[in-house]
Amino acid sequence: MSGLYKSTTFQIKLLNQVEEIILYIINKLWVQYSEGKFGFSVQQRIWQAKKDCKRFAYKVGWLTNVANSE
């Protein structure tokens, strides 16, 4: 394995870790400052409960004016 390949592989792994940390921090701050109303983890919980794209979009506020809103 060449040195360049090892270096590139390491850089990609490091970049992926940094991206995970940044997304974790964004989510944590988003949830904290929205008092638990918004964030990636909040959307994930809603999606897991609904598992319906249209209802999920209405619930998280991406779409409005639904006839059978909750």
N, C-alpha and C. Protein backbone atom coordinates (compact mmCIF):
# COMPACT_ATOMS: atom_id res chain seq x y z
N MET A 1 0.85 -1.18 0.00
CA MET A 1 0.00 0.00 0.00
C MET A 1 0.89 1.24 0.00
N SER A 2 0.60 2.15 -0.86
CA SER A 2 1.45 3.33 -0.98
C SER A 2 1.17 4.30 0.16
N GLY A 3 2.15 5.14 0.42
CA GLY A 3 2.01 6.16 1.45
C GLY A 3 0.91 7.15 1.15
N LEU A 4 0.75 7.49 -0.12
CA LEU A 4 -0.31 8.42 -0.54
C LEU A 4 -1.68 7.83 -0.26
N TYR A 5 -1.87 6.53 -0.54
CA TYR A 5 -3.15 5.87 -0.31
C TYR A 5 -3.47 5.86 1.18
N LYS A 6 -2.47 5.51 2.02
CA LYS A 6 -2.68 5.49 3.47
C LYS A 6 -3.04 6.89 3.98
N SER A 7 -2.34 7.89 3.48
CA SER A 7 -2.58 9.26 3.90
C SER A 7 -3.98 9.71 3.50
N THR A 8 -4.38 9.41 2.26
CA THR A 8 -5.70 9.80 1.77
C THR A 8 -6.79 9.08 2.57
N THR A 9 -6.62 7.79 2.82
CA THR A 9 -7.60 7.02 3.59
C THR A 9 -7.73 7.61 4.99
N PHE A 10 -6.61 7.95 5.62
CA PHE A 10 -6.65 8.55 6.95
C PHE A 10 -7.38 9.89 6.92
N GLN A 11 -7.11 10.70 5.92
CA GLN A 11 -7.77 12.01 5.80
C GLN A 11 -9.27 11.87 5.63
N ILE A 12 -9.70 10.89 4.84
CA ILE A 12 -11.13 10.66 4.64
C ILE A 12 -11.78 10.22 5.95
N LYS A 13 -11.14 9.31 6.67
CA LYS A 13 -11.68 8.86 7.96
C LYS A 13 -11.75 10.02 8.95
N LEU A 14 -10.72 10.83 8.98
CA LEU A 14 -10.69 11.98 9.88
C LEU A 14 -11.79 12.98 9.53
N LEU A 15 -11.97 13.24 8.25
CA LEU A 15 -13.02 14.15 7.79
C LEU A 15 -14.40 13.63 8.18
N ASN A 16 -14.63 12.33 8.03
CA ASN A 16 -15.91 11.74 8.43
C ASN A 16 -16.15 11.91 9.92
N GLN A 17 -15.12 11.75 10.74
CA GLN A 17 -15.26 11.92 12.18
C GLN A 17 -15.57 13.38 12.52
N VAL A 18 -14.89 14.30 11.86
CA VAL A 18 -15.13 15.73 12.10
C VAL A 18 -16.56 16.08 11.71
N GLU A 19 -17.04 15.56 10.57
CA GLU A 19 -18.41 15.82 10.14
C GLU A 19 -19.41 15.29 11.16
N GLU A 20 -19.17 14.10 11.71
CA GLU A 20 -20.05 13.54 12.73
C GLU A 20 -20.09 14.43 13.96
N ILE A 21 -18.95 14.90 14.39
CA ILE A 21 -18.88 15.76 15.58
C ILE A 21 -19.61 17.08 15.32
N ILE A 22 -19.42 17.66 14.16
CA ILE A 22 -20.08 18.92 13.82
C ILE A 22 -21.59 18.74 13.80
N LEU A 23 -22.07 17.66 13.16
CA LEU A 23 -23.51 17.41 13.13
C LEU A 23 -24.07 17.15 14.53
N TYR A 24 -23.31 16.46 15.36
CA TYR A 24 -23.73 16.22 16.74
C TYR A 24 -23.89 17.54 17.49
N ILE A 25 -22.92 18.42 17.33
CA ILE A 25 -22.96 19.72 18.01
C ILE A 25 -24.12 20.56 17.49
N ILE A 26 -24.31 20.59 16.16
CA ILE A 26 -25.42 21.35 15.59
C ILE A 26 -26.74 20.84 16.15
N ASN A 27 -26.92 19.53 16.16
CA ASN A 27 -28.16 18.95 16.68
C ASN A 27 -28.37 19.30 18.14
N LYS A 28 -27.32 19.15 18.93
CA LYS A 28 -27.43 19.43 20.37
C LYS A 28 -27.84 20.89 20.62
N LEU A 29 -27.22 21.82 19.93
CA LEU A 29 -27.54 23.23 20.10
C LEU A 29 -28.94 23.54 19.57
N TRP A 30 -29.31 22.95 18.44
CA TRP A 30 -30.62 23.16 17.83
C TRP A 30 -31.72 22.71 18.78
N VAL A 31 -31.56 21.52 19.35
CA VAL A 31 -32.54 20.99 20.31
C VAL A 31 -32.58 21.87 21.56
N GLN A 32 -31.42 22.23 22.06
CA GLN A 32 -31.34 23.03 23.29
C GLN A 32 -32.01 24.38 23.12
N TYR A 33 -31.68 25.10 22.06
CA TYR A 33 -32.19 26.46 21.91
C TYR A 33 -33.60 26.54 21.33
N SER A 34 -34.12 25.41 20.84
CA SER A 34 -35.52 25.38 20.39
C SER A 34 -36.40 24.74 21.46
N GLU A 35 -35.80 24.49 22.62
CA GLU A 35 -36.51 23.85 23.74
C GLU A 35 -37.11 22.51 23.33
N GLY A 36 -36.34 21.73 22.57
CA GLY A 36 -36.74 20.39 22.19
C GLY A 36 -37.70 20.29 21.03
N LYS A 37 -37.97 21.41 20.37
CA LYS A 37 -38.95 21.40 19.27
C LYS A 37 -38.32 21.08 17.92
N PHE A 38 -37.03 21.37 17.75
CA PHE A 38 -36.37 21.19 16.47
C PHE A 38 -35.03 20.49 16.66
N GLY A 39 -34.54 19.90 15.59
CA GLY A 39 -33.24 19.24 15.60
C GLY A 39 -33.31 17.96 14.78
N PHE A 40 -32.14 17.45 14.39
CA PHE A 40 -32.09 16.22 13.62
C PHE A 40 -32.69 15.06 14.42
N SER A 41 -32.37 14.99 15.70
CA SER A 41 -32.86 13.90 16.53
C SER A 41 -34.37 14.00 16.74
N VAL A 42 -34.90 15.21 16.82
CA VAL A 42 -36.35 15.40 16.95
C VAL A 42 -37.03 14.91 15.68
N GLN A 43 -36.49 15.29 14.53
CA GLN A 43 -37.06 14.85 13.26
C GLN A 43 -36.98 13.33 13.14
N GLN A 44 -35.90 12.74 13.61
CA GLN A 44 -35.75 11.29 13.55
C GLN A 44 -36.83 10.60 14.39
N ARG A 45 -37.10 11.11 15.58
CA ARG A 45 -38.16 10.53 16.43
C ARG A 45 -39.52 10.64 15.76
N ILE A 46 -39.79 11.80 15.15
CA ILE A 46 -41.07 11.99 14.45
C ILE A 46 -41.18 11.01 13.29
N TRP A 47 -40.11 10.88 12.52
CA TRP A 47 -40.12 9.97 11.38
C TRP A 47 -40.36 8.54 11.84
N GLN A 48 -39.70 8.12 12.90
CA GLN A 48 -39.87 6.75 13.39
C GLN A 48 -41.29 6.49 13.86
N ALA A 49 -41.95 7.52 14.38
CA ALA A 49 -43.34 7.37 14.83
C ALA A 49 -44.31 7.37 13.65
N LYS A 50 -44.04 8.15 12.61
CA LYS A 50 -44.96 8.33 11.48
C LYS A 50 -44.71 7.34 10.34
N LYS A 51 -43.45 7.28 9.89
CA LYS A 51 -43.04 6.48 8.73
C LYS A 51 -43.93 6.73 7.51
N ASP A 52 -44.32 7.97 7.35
CA ASP A 52 -45.15 8.39 6.21
C ASP A 52 -44.60 9.75 5.78
N CYS A 53 -44.04 9.82 4.59
CA CYS A 53 -43.35 11.04 4.14
C CYS A 53 -44.22 12.29 4.21
N LYS A 54 -45.46 12.19 3.74
CA LYS A 54 -46.32 13.37 3.71
C LYS A 54 -46.68 13.82 5.12
N ARG A 55 -47.06 12.90 5.99
CA ARG A 55 -47.41 13.26 7.37
C ARG A 55 -46.19 13.79 8.12
N PHE A 56 -45.03 13.20 7.85
CA PHE A 56 -43.80 13.67 8.47
C PHE A 56 -43.52 15.12 8.06
N ALA A 57 -43.66 15.40 6.76
CA ALA A 57 -43.40 16.76 6.25
C ALA A 57 -44.34 17.78 6.90
N TYR A 58 -45.57 17.44 7.10
CA TYR A 58 -46.51 18.34 7.79
C TYR A 58 -46.13 18.50 9.25
N LYS A 59 -45.79 17.40 9.91
CA LYS A 59 -45.47 17.44 11.34
C LYS A 59 -44.26 18.31 11.63
N VAL A 60 -43.24 18.25 10.77
CA VAL A 60 -42.03 19.05 11.01
C VAL A 60 -42.13 20.45 10.41
N GLY A 61 -43.26 20.74 9.74
CA GLY A 61 -43.48 22.10 9.25
C GLY A 61 -42.97 22.37 7.85
N TRP A 62 -42.61 21.34 7.10
CA TRP A 62 -42.14 21.55 5.73
C TRP A 62 -43.31 21.83 4.81
N LEU A 63 -44.49 21.28 5.14
CA LEU A 63 -45.72 21.51 4.37
C LEU A 63 -46.79 22.03 5.32
N THR A 64 -47.75 22.76 4.78
CA THR A 64 -48.83 23.28 5.60
C THR A 64 -50.17 22.96 4.94
N ASN A 65 -51.26 23.25 5.67
CA ASN A 65 -52.61 23.12 5.15
C ASN A 65 -52.97 21.66 4.82
N VAL A 66 -52.83 20.80 5.81
CA VAL A 66 -53.20 19.40 5.63
C VAL A 66 -54.62 19.19 6.18
N ALA A 67 -55.42 18.44 5.47
CA ALA A 67 -56.80 18.22 5.87
C ALA A 67 -56.88 17.38 7.14
N ASN A 68 -56.00 16.42 7.29
CA ASN A 68 -56.04 15.55 8.46
C ASN A 68 -54.87 15.81 9.39
N SER A 69 -54.61 17.07 9.69
CA SER A 69 -53.47 17.41 10.54
C SER A 69 -53.73 16.94 11.97
N GLU A 70 -52.65 16.77 12.69
CA GLU A 70 -52.74 16.30 14.07
C GLU A 70 -52.70 17.45 15.03
